[in-house]
Amino acid sequence: MFLLGILLACAEPEVVRETAYITETVTETETITEEICATIEGHRPCDFFVFDEDGSEVNFHSLIGIPVILDLSTMWCGPCNAAAVEVQNTQDRYPDLVYLTILIENSQGIAPTHEDLQDWETYHGITTAPTWAGSREVITDDPTDGDEFYLRSWPTFYFLDENLKIVGYQQGFNQTIIDDWAEDLTNQ
């Protein structure tokens, strides 16, 4: 018992406080504040790895440094296909941002292959805007779940600044709103 008391007294005391998305670790010598990833406005989503149209593994945080329009879509969704028709045009008009489509499902309702991504890009005339393959693991229907993107309808768009912090969110396709966000993101 006495030895245990000495060990506890010698260890540096540490207190961890959590607020909604901030963790602070406080010791006698320093305070470390670390932002926890979240898919709500003002926060950066957690990093994740998927593959691109070439079958290469890519990670989301590799886009830090450039604003992003993130389009979460499926190949079977009519409004997603309507949005895809405008992807390359939007990317061409706003070359200072990335218009990223993450396809969650192919036309059979399963995670897309890189061949599905290539077919999607060819069919919609997408040449420079990236298309990545996701899965249902990157989405959630619970807005308090900070590890996945909140999604209640197809397509869903997230608008992220150059630090990949979410500045806006849109359910459904509306090109005028996408253009407004693209203009805002490139003029910051």
N, C-alpha and C. Protein backbone atom coordinates (compact mmCIF):
# COMPACT_ATOMS: atom_id res chain seq x y z
N MET A 1 0.83 -1.19 0.00
CA MET A 1 0.00 0.00 0.00
C MET A 1 0.87 1.25 0.00
N PHE A 2 1.91 1.26 0.82
CA PHE A 2 2.81 2.40 0.88
C PHE A 2 3.50 2.62 -0.46
N LEU A 3 3.93 1.54 -1.11
CA LEU A 3 4.59 1.63 -2.41
C LEU A 3 3.63 2.21 -3.46
N LEU A 4 2.39 1.81 -3.44
CA LEU A 4 1.40 2.35 -4.36
C LEU A 4 1.24 3.85 -4.17
N GLY A 5 1.24 4.32 -2.94
CA GLY A 5 1.14 5.74 -2.66
C GLY A 5 2.31 6.51 -3.24
N ILE A 6 3.50 5.94 -3.20
CA ILE A 6 4.68 6.60 -3.76
C ILE A 6 4.56 6.67 -5.28
N LEU A 7 4.13 5.61 -5.90
CA LEU A 7 3.99 5.60 -7.35
C LEU A 7 2.97 6.64 -7.81
N LEU A 8 1.84 6.73 -7.13
CA LEU A 8 0.84 7.72 -7.50
C LEU A 8 1.33 9.13 -7.28
N ALA A 9 2.09 9.35 -6.25
CA ALA A 9 2.60 10.68 -5.97
C ALA A 9 3.66 11.08 -6.98
N CYS A 10 4.39 10.13 -7.54
CA CYS A 10 5.45 10.45 -8.49
C CYS A 10 4.92 10.67 -9.90
N ALA A 11 3.80 10.08 -10.20
CA ALA A 11 3.24 10.24 -11.55
C ALA A 11 2.68 11.65 -11.71
N GLU A 12 2.93 12.23 -12.87
CA GLU A 12 2.42 13.57 -13.14
C GLU A 12 0.90 13.51 -13.26
N PRO A 13 0.18 14.32 -12.48
CA PRO A 13 -1.29 14.27 -12.57
C PRO A 13 -1.76 14.76 -13.93
N GLU A 14 -2.80 14.11 -14.44
CA GLU A 14 -3.32 14.45 -15.75
C GLU A 14 -4.84 14.46 -15.69
N VAL A 15 -5.44 15.48 -16.28
CA VAL A 15 -6.89 15.59 -16.33
C VAL A 15 -7.27 15.71 -17.79
N VAL A 16 -8.25 14.94 -18.21
CA VAL A 16 -8.74 15.03 -19.58
C VAL A 16 -10.15 15.59 -19.52
N ARG A 17 -10.37 16.70 -20.26
CA ARG A 17 -11.70 17.30 -20.34
C ARG A 17 -12.16 17.20 -21.78
N GLU A 18 -13.38 16.77 -21.96
CA GLU A 18 -13.93 16.72 -23.32
C GLU A 18 -15.15 17.62 -23.41
N THR A 19 -15.16 18.46 -24.42
CA THR A 19 -16.36 19.19 -24.78
C THR A 19 -16.86 18.55 -26.07
N ALA A 20 -17.75 19.16 -26.75
CA ALA A 20 -18.36 18.53 -27.92
C ALA A 20 -17.32 17.92 -28.87
N TYR A 21 -16.31 18.66 -29.27
CA TYR A 21 -15.35 18.14 -30.23
C TYR A 21 -13.92 18.57 -29.92
N ILE A 22 -13.67 18.99 -28.67
CA ILE A 22 -12.34 19.42 -28.28
C ILE A 22 -11.90 18.58 -27.09
N THR A 23 -10.69 18.10 -27.12
CA THR A 23 -10.13 17.38 -25.99
C THR A 23 -8.94 18.18 -25.49
N GLU A 24 -8.90 18.44 -24.20
CA GLU A 24 -7.75 19.11 -23.59
C GLU A 24 -7.12 18.16 -22.59
N THR A 25 -5.83 17.99 -22.70
CA THR A 25 -5.09 17.22 -21.72
C THR A 25 -4.25 18.21 -20.93
N VAL A 26 -4.46 18.23 -19.63
CA VAL A 26 -3.79 19.21 -18.78
C VAL A 26 -2.86 18.46 -17.84
N THR A 27 -1.59 18.83 -17.85
CA THR A 27 -0.63 18.29 -16.89
C THR A 27 -0.08 19.47 -16.11
N GLU A 28 0.78 19.21 -15.16
CA GLU A 28 1.37 20.30 -14.39
C GLU A 28 2.21 21.21 -15.27
N THR A 29 2.74 20.68 -16.37
CA THR A 29 3.67 21.46 -17.18
C THR A 29 3.09 22.03 -18.46
N GLU A 30 2.00 21.46 -18.98
CA GLU A 30 1.47 21.96 -20.24
C GLU A 30 0.01 21.59 -20.44
N THR A 31 -0.62 22.33 -21.33
CA THR A 31 -1.98 22.03 -21.75
C THR A 31 -1.94 21.74 -23.24
N ILE A 32 -2.47 20.62 -23.65
CA ILE A 32 -2.49 20.25 -25.06
C ILE A 32 -3.95 20.23 -25.49
N THR A 33 -4.28 21.02 -26.50
CA THR A 33 -5.64 21.05 -27.02
C THR A 33 -5.61 20.43 -28.41
N GLU A 34 -6.45 19.45 -28.61
CA GLU A 34 -6.51 18.76 -29.89
C GLU A 34 -7.95 18.71 -30.37
N GLU A 35 -8.18 19.13 -31.59
CA GLU A 35 -9.52 19.08 -32.14
C GLU A 35 -9.85 17.66 -32.56
N ILE A 36 -11.02 17.20 -32.20
CA ILE A 36 -11.48 15.88 -32.61
C ILE A 36 -12.22 16.04 -33.93
N CYS A 37 -12.01 15.12 -34.84
CA CYS A 37 -12.66 15.22 -36.14
C CYS A 37 -14.17 15.07 -36.00
N ALA A 38 -14.89 15.79 -36.85
CA ALA A 38 -16.35 15.75 -36.81
C ALA A 38 -16.89 16.19 -38.16
N THR A 39 -18.06 15.72 -38.51
CA THR A 39 -18.67 16.14 -39.77
C THR A 39 -19.78 17.15 -39.52
N ILE A 40 -19.44 18.18 -38.77
CA ILE A 40 -20.34 19.31 -38.57
C ILE A 40 -19.59 20.57 -38.95
N GLU A 41 -20.34 21.61 -39.21
CA GLU A 41 -19.76 22.87 -39.66
C GLU A 41 -18.67 23.34 -38.70
N GLY A 42 -17.56 23.80 -39.27
CA GLY A 42 -16.45 24.31 -38.49
C GLY A 42 -15.42 23.28 -38.09
N HIS A 43 -15.64 22.03 -38.46
CA HIS A 43 -14.72 20.96 -38.09
C HIS A 43 -14.24 20.22 -39.33
N ARG A 44 -13.11 19.55 -39.17
CA ARG A 44 -12.55 18.74 -40.24
C ARG A 44 -13.01 17.30 -40.06
N PRO A 45 -13.51 16.67 -41.12
CA PRO A 45 -13.88 15.25 -41.01
C PRO A 45 -12.66 14.39 -40.70
N CYS A 46 -12.91 13.24 -40.12
CA CYS A 46 -11.83 12.28 -39.88
C CYS A 46 -11.22 11.86 -41.21
N ASP A 47 -9.96 11.50 -41.17
CA ASP A 47 -9.30 11.00 -42.37
C ASP A 47 -9.79 9.59 -42.65
N PHE A 48 -9.80 9.22 -43.90
CA PHE A 48 -10.16 7.87 -44.29
C PHE A 48 -9.45 7.55 -45.59
N PHE A 49 -9.32 6.26 -45.87
CA PHE A 49 -8.66 5.79 -47.08
C PHE A 49 -9.68 5.07 -47.96
N VAL A 50 -9.64 5.37 -49.24
CA VAL A 50 -10.47 4.72 -50.24
C VAL A 50 -9.58 4.52 -51.48
N PHE A 51 -10.16 4.13 -52.60
CA PHE A 51 -9.35 4.05 -53.81
C PHE A 51 -9.96 4.91 -54.91
N ASP A 52 -9.10 5.29 -55.86
CA ASP A 52 -9.54 6.15 -56.95
C ASP A 52 -9.83 5.33 -58.20
N GLU A 53 -10.07 6.03 -59.31
CA GLU A 53 -10.45 5.37 -60.55
C GLU A 53 -9.33 4.50 -61.14
N ASP A 54 -8.09 4.69 -60.67
CA ASP A 54 -6.98 3.86 -61.12
C ASP A 54 -6.75 2.67 -60.20
N GLY A 55 -7.53 2.59 -59.13
CA GLY A 55 -7.36 1.51 -58.16
C GLY A 55 -6.32 1.82 -57.10
N SER A 56 -5.79 3.05 -57.10
CA SER A 56 -4.77 3.45 -56.13
C SER A 56 -5.44 3.91 -54.83
N GLU A 57 -4.82 3.56 -53.71
CA GLU A 57 -5.35 4.01 -52.42
C GLU A 57 -5.08 5.50 -52.25
N VAL A 58 -6.08 6.23 -51.80
CA VAL A 58 -5.97 7.67 -51.56
C VAL A 58 -6.55 7.97 -50.19
N ASN A 59 -6.04 9.03 -49.56
CA ASN A 59 -6.61 9.42 -48.28
C ASN A 59 -7.19 10.82 -48.36
N PHE A 60 -8.28 11.00 -47.65
CA PHE A 60 -9.04 12.25 -47.71
C PHE A 60 -8.20 13.45 -47.32
N HIS A 61 -7.40 13.35 -46.27
CA HIS A 61 -6.62 14.49 -45.81
C HIS A 61 -5.50 14.89 -46.76
N SER A 62 -5.28 14.11 -47.80
CA SER A 62 -4.29 14.52 -48.81
C SER A 62 -4.77 15.77 -49.55
N LEU A 63 -6.04 16.13 -49.39
CA LEU A 63 -6.59 17.31 -50.05
C LEU A 63 -6.43 18.59 -49.24
N ILE A 64 -5.84 18.50 -48.05
CA ILE A 64 -5.62 19.71 -47.25
C ILE A 64 -4.81 20.70 -48.07
N GLY A 65 -5.26 21.95 -48.08
CA GLY A 65 -4.57 23.00 -48.81
C GLY A 65 -5.37 23.54 -49.98
N ILE A 66 -6.49 22.89 -50.30
CA ILE A 66 -7.32 23.34 -51.42
C ILE A 66 -8.79 23.15 -51.03
N PRO A 67 -9.65 24.12 -51.36
CA PRO A 67 -11.08 23.95 -51.05
C PRO A 67 -11.67 22.77 -51.82
N VAL A 68 -12.69 22.15 -51.22
CA VAL A 68 -13.27 20.94 -51.80
C VAL A 68 -14.80 21.03 -51.80
N ILE A 69 -15.37 20.67 -52.93
CA ILE A 69 -16.79 20.34 -53.00
C ILE A 69 -16.83 18.82 -52.96
N LEU A 70 -17.42 18.27 -51.93
CA LEU A 70 -17.50 16.83 -51.77
C LEU A 70 -18.92 16.37 -52.09
N ASP A 71 -19.05 15.53 -53.08
CA ASP A 71 -20.33 15.01 -53.54
C ASP A 71 -20.39 13.53 -53.18
N LEU A 72 -21.30 13.17 -52.27
CA LEU A 72 -21.52 11.77 -51.90
C LEU A 72 -22.69 11.27 -52.74
N SER A 73 -22.42 10.32 -53.63
CA SER A 73 -23.41 9.88 -54.60
C SER A 73 -23.41 8.36 -54.74
N THR A 74 -24.40 7.87 -55.48
CA THR A 74 -24.46 6.48 -55.89
C THR A 74 -24.70 6.44 -57.39
N MET A 75 -24.33 5.34 -58.00
CA MET A 75 -24.50 5.21 -59.44
C MET A 75 -25.96 4.99 -59.84
N TRP A 76 -26.78 4.48 -58.95
CA TRP A 76 -28.18 4.19 -59.27
C TRP A 76 -29.12 5.37 -59.05
N CYS A 77 -28.63 6.44 -58.49
CA CYS A 77 -29.45 7.59 -58.09
C CYS A 77 -29.60 8.58 -59.25
N GLY A 78 -30.86 8.89 -59.63
CA GLY A 78 -31.12 9.83 -60.71
C GLY A 78 -30.56 11.22 -60.47
N PRO A 79 -30.84 11.86 -59.31
CA PRO A 79 -30.26 13.18 -59.05
C PRO A 79 -28.73 13.17 -58.98
N CYS A 80 -28.15 12.04 -58.56
CA CYS A 80 -26.68 11.92 -58.53
C CYS A 80 -26.14 11.97 -59.95
N ASN A 81 -26.82 11.30 -60.87
CA ASN A 81 -26.41 11.33 -62.27
C ASN A 81 -26.58 12.72 -62.87
N ALA A 82 -27.65 13.42 -62.47
CA ALA A 82 -27.84 14.80 -62.95
C ALA A 82 -26.70 15.69 -62.45
N ALA A 83 -26.30 15.51 -61.20
CA ALA A 83 -25.19 16.28 -60.65
C ALA A 83 -23.89 15.96 -61.38
N ALA A 84 -23.69 14.68 -61.71
CA ALA A 84 -22.45 14.25 -62.36
C ALA A 84 -22.27 14.89 -63.73
N VAL A 85 -23.38 15.20 -64.40
CA VAL A 85 -23.31 15.86 -65.71
C VAL A 85 -22.63 17.22 -65.58
N GLU A 86 -22.76 17.87 -64.42
CA GLU A 86 -22.22 19.21 -64.20
C GLU A 86 -20.84 19.23 -63.55
N VAL A 87 -20.34 18.07 -63.11
CA VAL A 87 -19.07 18.03 -62.37
C VAL A 87 -17.93 18.65 -63.16
N GLN A 88 -17.69 18.18 -64.38
CA GLN A 88 -16.53 18.66 -65.13
C GLN A 88 -16.67 20.14 -65.46
N ASN A 89 -17.87 20.60 -65.80
CA ASN A 89 -18.10 22.01 -66.08
C ASN A 89 -17.78 22.86 -64.85
N THR A 90 -18.22 22.41 -63.68
CA THR A 90 -17.94 23.14 -62.44
C THR A 90 -16.45 23.14 -62.15
N GLN A 91 -15.80 21.97 -62.29
CA GLN A 91 -14.36 21.88 -62.06
C GLN A 91 -13.60 22.81 -63.00
N ASP A 92 -14.02 22.89 -64.27
CA ASP A 92 -13.36 23.76 -65.24
C ASP A 92 -13.53 25.23 -64.89
N ARG A 93 -14.71 25.62 -64.41
CA ARG A 93 -14.96 27.03 -64.07
C ARG A 93 -14.27 27.44 -62.77
N TYR A 94 -13.99 26.49 -61.89
CA TYR A 94 -13.37 26.78 -60.59
C TYR A 94 -12.15 25.88 -60.41
N PRO A 95 -11.07 26.16 -61.16
CA PRO A 95 -9.89 25.28 -61.09
C PRO A 95 -9.13 25.37 -59.76
N ASP A 96 -9.47 26.36 -58.93
CA ASP A 96 -8.78 26.51 -57.64
C ASP A 96 -9.42 25.70 -56.53
N LEU A 97 -10.32 24.80 -56.89
CA LEU A 97 -10.91 23.89 -55.90
C LEU A 97 -10.95 22.50 -56.50
N VAL A 98 -11.23 21.52 -55.66
CA VAL A 98 -11.40 20.14 -56.11
C VAL A 98 -12.87 19.77 -55.96
N TYR A 99 -13.45 19.29 -57.05
CA TYR A 99 -14.81 18.78 -57.01
C TYR A 99 -14.66 17.26 -56.94
N LEU A 100 -14.80 16.73 -55.76
CA LEU A 100 -14.57 15.31 -55.49
C LEU A 100 -15.89 14.58 -55.35
N THR A 101 -16.08 13.55 -56.16
CA THR A 101 -17.24 12.68 -56.02
C THR A 101 -16.77 11.39 -55.35
N ILE A 102 -17.45 11.03 -54.27
CA ILE A 102 -17.23 9.72 -53.66
C ILE A 102 -18.48 8.90 -53.93
N LEU A 103 -18.32 7.89 -54.76
CA LEU A 103 -19.43 6.99 -55.05
C LEU A 103 -19.51 5.94 -53.95
N ILE A 104 -20.65 5.85 -53.33
CA ILE A 104 -20.85 4.94 -52.21
C ILE A 104 -21.31 3.56 -52.70
N GLU A 105 -22.13 3.54 -53.75
CA GLU A 105 -22.64 2.28 -54.29
C GLU A 105 -22.66 2.33 -55.81
N ASN A 106 -22.50 1.15 -56.42
CA ASN A 106 -22.65 1.07 -57.87
C ASN A 106 -24.12 0.82 -58.21
N SER A 107 -24.41 0.52 -59.45
CA SER A 107 -25.81 0.36 -59.86
C SER A 107 -26.47 -0.89 -59.26
N GLN A 108 -25.68 -1.81 -58.72
CA GLN A 108 -26.24 -2.99 -58.04
C GLN A 108 -26.37 -2.78 -56.53
N GLY A 109 -26.02 -1.60 -56.05
CA GLY A 109 -26.15 -1.30 -54.62
C GLY A 109 -25.01 -1.80 -53.76
N ILE A 110 -23.87 -2.11 -54.37
CA ILE A 110 -22.70 -2.55 -53.60
C ILE A 110 -21.57 -1.56 -53.82
N ALA A 111 -20.53 -1.67 -53.00
CA ALA A 111 -19.39 -0.76 -53.11
C ALA A 111 -18.81 -0.82 -54.53
N PRO A 112 -18.55 0.34 -55.14
CA PRO A 112 -18.07 0.35 -56.52
C PRO A 112 -16.62 -0.12 -56.65
N THR A 113 -16.31 -0.66 -57.81
CA THR A 113 -14.95 -1.04 -58.16
C THR A 113 -14.30 0.13 -58.89
N HIS A 114 -12.98 0.04 -59.12
CA HIS A 114 -12.36 1.13 -59.87
C HIS A 114 -12.85 1.13 -61.31
N GLU A 115 -13.28 -0.01 -61.84
CA GLU A 115 -13.88 -0.05 -63.18
C GLU A 115 -15.21 0.72 -63.19
N ASP A 116 -15.99 0.60 -62.11
CA ASP A 116 -17.23 1.38 -62.00
C ASP A 116 -16.93 2.87 -62.03
N LEU A 117 -15.87 3.27 -61.34
CA LEU A 117 -15.49 4.69 -61.31
C LEU A 117 -15.10 5.17 -62.71
N GLN A 118 -14.33 4.36 -63.41
CA GLN A 118 -13.93 4.73 -64.77
C GLN A 118 -15.15 4.85 -65.67
N ASP A 119 -16.09 3.92 -65.54
CA ASP A 119 -17.32 3.98 -66.35
C ASP A 119 -18.11 5.25 -66.03
N TRP A 120 -18.21 5.60 -64.74
CA TRP A 120 -18.92 6.80 -64.30
C TRP A 120 -18.30 8.04 -64.93
N GLU A 121 -16.98 8.14 -64.85
CA GLU A 121 -16.29 9.31 -65.40
C GLU A 121 -16.45 9.38 -66.92
N THR A 122 -16.32 8.27 -67.60
CA THR A 122 -16.47 8.25 -69.06
C THR A 122 -17.89 8.65 -69.46
N TYR A 123 -18.87 8.04 -68.82
CA TYR A 123 -20.27 8.31 -69.16
C TYR A 123 -20.64 9.78 -68.96
N HIS A 124 -20.09 10.40 -67.90
CA HIS A 124 -20.44 11.78 -67.58
C HIS A 124 -19.43 12.80 -68.09
N GLY A 125 -18.40 12.36 -68.80
CA GLY A 125 -17.43 13.29 -69.37
C GLY A 125 -16.53 13.94 -68.33
N ILE A 126 -16.26 13.24 -67.25
CA ILE A 126 -15.41 13.77 -66.18
C ILE A 126 -13.97 13.41 -66.50
N THR A 127 -13.12 14.44 -66.63
CA THR A 127 -11.72 14.19 -67.01
C THR A 127 -10.72 14.64 -65.96
N THR A 128 -11.02 15.70 -65.21
CA THR A 128 -10.03 16.20 -64.25
C THR A 128 -10.53 16.20 -62.80
N ALA A 129 -11.82 16.09 -62.58
CA ALA A 129 -12.35 16.05 -61.22
C ALA A 129 -12.26 14.61 -60.71
N PRO A 130 -11.70 14.39 -59.53
CA PRO A 130 -11.51 13.02 -59.06
C PRO A 130 -12.81 12.34 -58.65
N THR A 131 -12.85 11.04 -58.87
CA THR A 131 -13.94 10.19 -58.40
C THR A 131 -13.31 9.08 -57.58
N TRP A 132 -13.77 8.94 -56.35
CA TRP A 132 -13.24 7.92 -55.45
C TRP A 132 -14.35 6.93 -55.09
N ALA A 133 -13.95 5.72 -54.76
CA ALA A 133 -14.90 4.68 -54.35
C ALA A 133 -14.98 4.67 -52.83
N GLY A 134 -16.17 4.84 -52.33
CA GLY A 134 -16.40 4.74 -50.90
C GLY A 134 -17.24 3.52 -50.61
N SER A 135 -17.82 3.50 -49.45
CA SER A 135 -18.76 2.45 -49.07
C SER A 135 -19.66 3.04 -48.00
N ARG A 136 -20.61 2.28 -47.58
CA ARG A 136 -21.50 2.78 -46.53
C ARG A 136 -20.76 3.02 -45.22
N GLU A 137 -19.53 2.57 -45.10
CA GLU A 137 -18.75 2.80 -43.89
C GLU A 137 -18.38 4.27 -43.70
N VAL A 138 -18.43 5.10 -44.76
CA VAL A 138 -18.08 6.51 -44.62
C VAL A 138 -19.29 7.40 -44.41
N ILE A 139 -20.50 6.80 -44.32
CA ILE A 139 -21.71 7.60 -44.11
C ILE A 139 -22.47 7.13 -42.87
N THR A 140 -23.31 8.03 -42.34
CA THR A 140 -24.15 7.70 -41.20
C THR A 140 -25.46 8.46 -41.33
N ASP A 141 -26.50 7.96 -40.68
CA ASP A 141 -27.76 8.70 -40.62
C ASP A 141 -27.94 9.34 -39.25
N ASP A 142 -26.88 9.32 -38.45
CA ASP A 142 -26.88 9.92 -37.11
C ASP A 142 -26.02 11.18 -37.13
N PRO A 143 -26.63 12.37 -37.05
CA PRO A 143 -25.85 13.61 -37.15
C PRO A 143 -24.86 13.81 -36.01
N THR A 144 -24.97 13.05 -34.92
CA THR A 144 -24.02 13.20 -33.81
C THR A 144 -22.82 12.28 -33.95
N ASP A 145 -22.82 11.41 -34.96
CA ASP A 145 -21.71 10.49 -35.19
C ASP A 145 -20.62 11.25 -35.94
N GLY A 146 -19.52 11.53 -35.28
CA GLY A 146 -18.49 12.38 -35.87
C GLY A 146 -17.52 11.70 -36.79
N ASP A 147 -17.56 10.36 -36.89
CA ASP A 147 -16.58 9.66 -37.70
C ASP A 147 -17.00 9.47 -39.15
N GLU A 148 -18.27 9.60 -39.44
CA GLU A 148 -18.77 9.42 -40.79
C GLU A 148 -19.53 10.67 -41.24
N PHE A 149 -19.76 10.74 -42.54
CA PHE A 149 -20.51 11.86 -43.10
C PHE A 149 -22.00 11.62 -42.90
N TYR A 150 -22.67 12.62 -42.34
CA TYR A 150 -24.11 12.56 -42.15
C TYR A 150 -24.78 12.64 -43.51
N LEU A 151 -25.67 11.69 -43.78
CA LEU A 151 -26.31 11.63 -45.07
C LEU A 151 -27.73 11.11 -44.91
N ARG A 152 -28.69 11.88 -45.43
CA ARG A 152 -30.09 11.46 -45.38
C ARG A 152 -30.70 11.36 -46.76
N SER A 153 -30.02 11.88 -47.77
CA SER A 153 -30.54 11.77 -49.13
C SER A 153 -29.38 11.78 -50.12
N TRP A 154 -29.67 11.29 -51.31
CA TRP A 154 -28.67 11.25 -52.39
C TRP A 154 -28.98 12.35 -53.39
N PRO A 155 -28.04 13.05 -53.91
CA PRO A 155 -26.69 13.18 -53.40
C PRO A 155 -26.66 14.12 -52.20
N THR A 156 -25.59 14.06 -51.45
CA THR A 156 -25.34 15.00 -50.37
C THR A 156 -24.00 15.66 -50.63
N PHE A 157 -23.95 16.98 -50.44
CA PHE A 157 -22.74 17.75 -50.70
C PHE A 157 -22.22 18.35 -49.41
N TYR A 158 -20.90 18.32 -49.26
CA TYR A 158 -20.22 19.05 -48.19
C TYR A 158 -19.30 20.04 -48.88
N PHE A 159 -19.23 21.24 -48.32
CA PHE A 159 -18.35 22.28 -48.84
C PHE A 159 -17.29 22.53 -47.78
N LEU A 160 -16.02 22.35 -48.17
CA LEU A 160 -14.91 22.39 -47.21
C LEU A 160 -13.89 23.44 -47.64
N ASP A 161 -13.40 24.21 -46.67
CA ASP A 161 -12.39 25.21 -46.98
C ASP A 161 -11.03 24.55 -47.19
N GLU A 162 -10.00 25.35 -47.41
CA GLU A 162 -8.67 24.81 -47.71
C GLU A 162 -8.07 24.01 -46.56
N ASN A 163 -8.59 24.17 -45.36
CA ASN A 163 -8.15 23.36 -44.21
C ASN A 163 -9.01 22.11 -44.04
N LEU A 164 -9.88 21.87 -45.01
CA LEU A 164 -10.85 20.77 -45.00
C LEU A 164 -11.85 20.88 -43.87
N LYS A 165 -12.08 22.10 -43.40
CA LYS A 165 -13.12 22.31 -42.39
C LYS A 165 -14.43 22.57 -43.12
N ILE A 166 -15.48 21.95 -42.63
CA ILE A 166 -16.79 22.06 -43.26
C ILE A 166 -17.34 23.46 -43.07
N VAL A 167 -17.71 24.10 -44.18
CA VAL A 167 -18.32 25.43 -44.12
C VAL A 167 -19.77 25.40 -44.60
N GLY A 168 -20.19 24.29 -45.21
CA GLY A 168 -21.56 24.19 -45.67
C GLY A 168 -21.95 22.77 -46.01
N TYR A 169 -23.26 22.57 -46.16
CA TYR A 169 -23.83 21.25 -46.35
C TYR A 169 -25.09 21.40 -47.20
N GLN A 170 -25.33 20.48 -48.11
CA GLN A 170 -26.53 20.53 -48.94
C GLN A 170 -27.01 19.12 -49.22
N GLN A 171 -28.29 18.89 -49.00
CA GLN A 171 -28.91 17.63 -49.39
C GLN A 171 -29.61 17.85 -50.73
N GLY A 172 -29.41 16.92 -51.66
CA GLY A 172 -30.03 17.04 -52.96
C GLY A 172 -29.19 17.90 -53.90
N PHE A 173 -29.52 17.85 -55.18
CA PHE A 173 -28.75 18.55 -56.21
C PHE A 173 -29.42 19.85 -56.61
N ASN A 174 -28.63 20.93 -56.53
CA ASN A 174 -29.06 22.24 -57.01
C ASN A 174 -27.80 22.94 -57.51
N GLN A 175 -27.62 23.03 -58.82
CA GLN A 175 -26.39 23.58 -59.39
C GLN A 175 -26.16 25.03 -58.99
N THR A 176 -27.21 25.80 -58.84
CA THR A 176 -27.04 27.20 -58.44
C THR A 176 -26.39 27.30 -57.06
N ILE A 177 -26.84 26.47 -56.14
CA ILE A 177 -26.24 26.47 -54.80
C ILE A 177 -24.79 26.00 -54.86
N ILE A 178 -24.51 24.98 -55.66
CA ILE A 178 -23.13 24.50 -55.80
C ILE A 178 -22.25 25.61 -56.37
N ASP A 179 -22.74 26.33 -57.38
CA ASP A 179 -21.97 27.44 -57.96
C ASP A 179 -21.73 28.54 -56.93
N ASP A 180 -22.74 28.86 -56.13
CA ASP A 180 -22.57 29.87 -55.09
C ASP A 180 -21.48 29.46 -54.10
N TRP A 181 -21.51 28.19 -53.67
CA TRP A 181 -20.48 27.71 -52.74
C TRP A 181 -19.11 27.69 -53.41
N ALA A 182 -19.05 27.29 -54.66
CA ALA A 182 -17.76 27.26 -55.37
C ALA A 182 -17.17 28.67 -55.44
N GLU A 183 -18.03 29.64 -55.71
CA GLU A 183 -17.60 31.04 -55.75
C GLU A 183 -17.08 31.49 -54.38
N ASP A 184 -17.81 31.16 -53.33
CA ASP A 184 -17.38 31.52 -51.97
C ASP A 184 -16.07 30.84 -51.61
N LEU A 185 -15.94 29.57 -51.92
CA LEU A 185 -14.73 28.83 -51.55
C LEU A 185 -13.49 29.34 -52.26
N THR A 186 -13.64 29.77 -53.51
CA THR A 186 -12.47 30.23 -54.26
C THR A 186 -12.16 31.70 -54.02
N ASN A 187 -13.04 32.43 -53.35
CA ASN A 187 -12.79 33.85 -53.06
C ASN A 187 -12.46 34.11 -51.60
N GLN A 188 -12.12 33.10 -50.86
CA GLN A 188 -11.80 33.30 -49.42
C GLN A 188 -10.39 33.80 -49.25
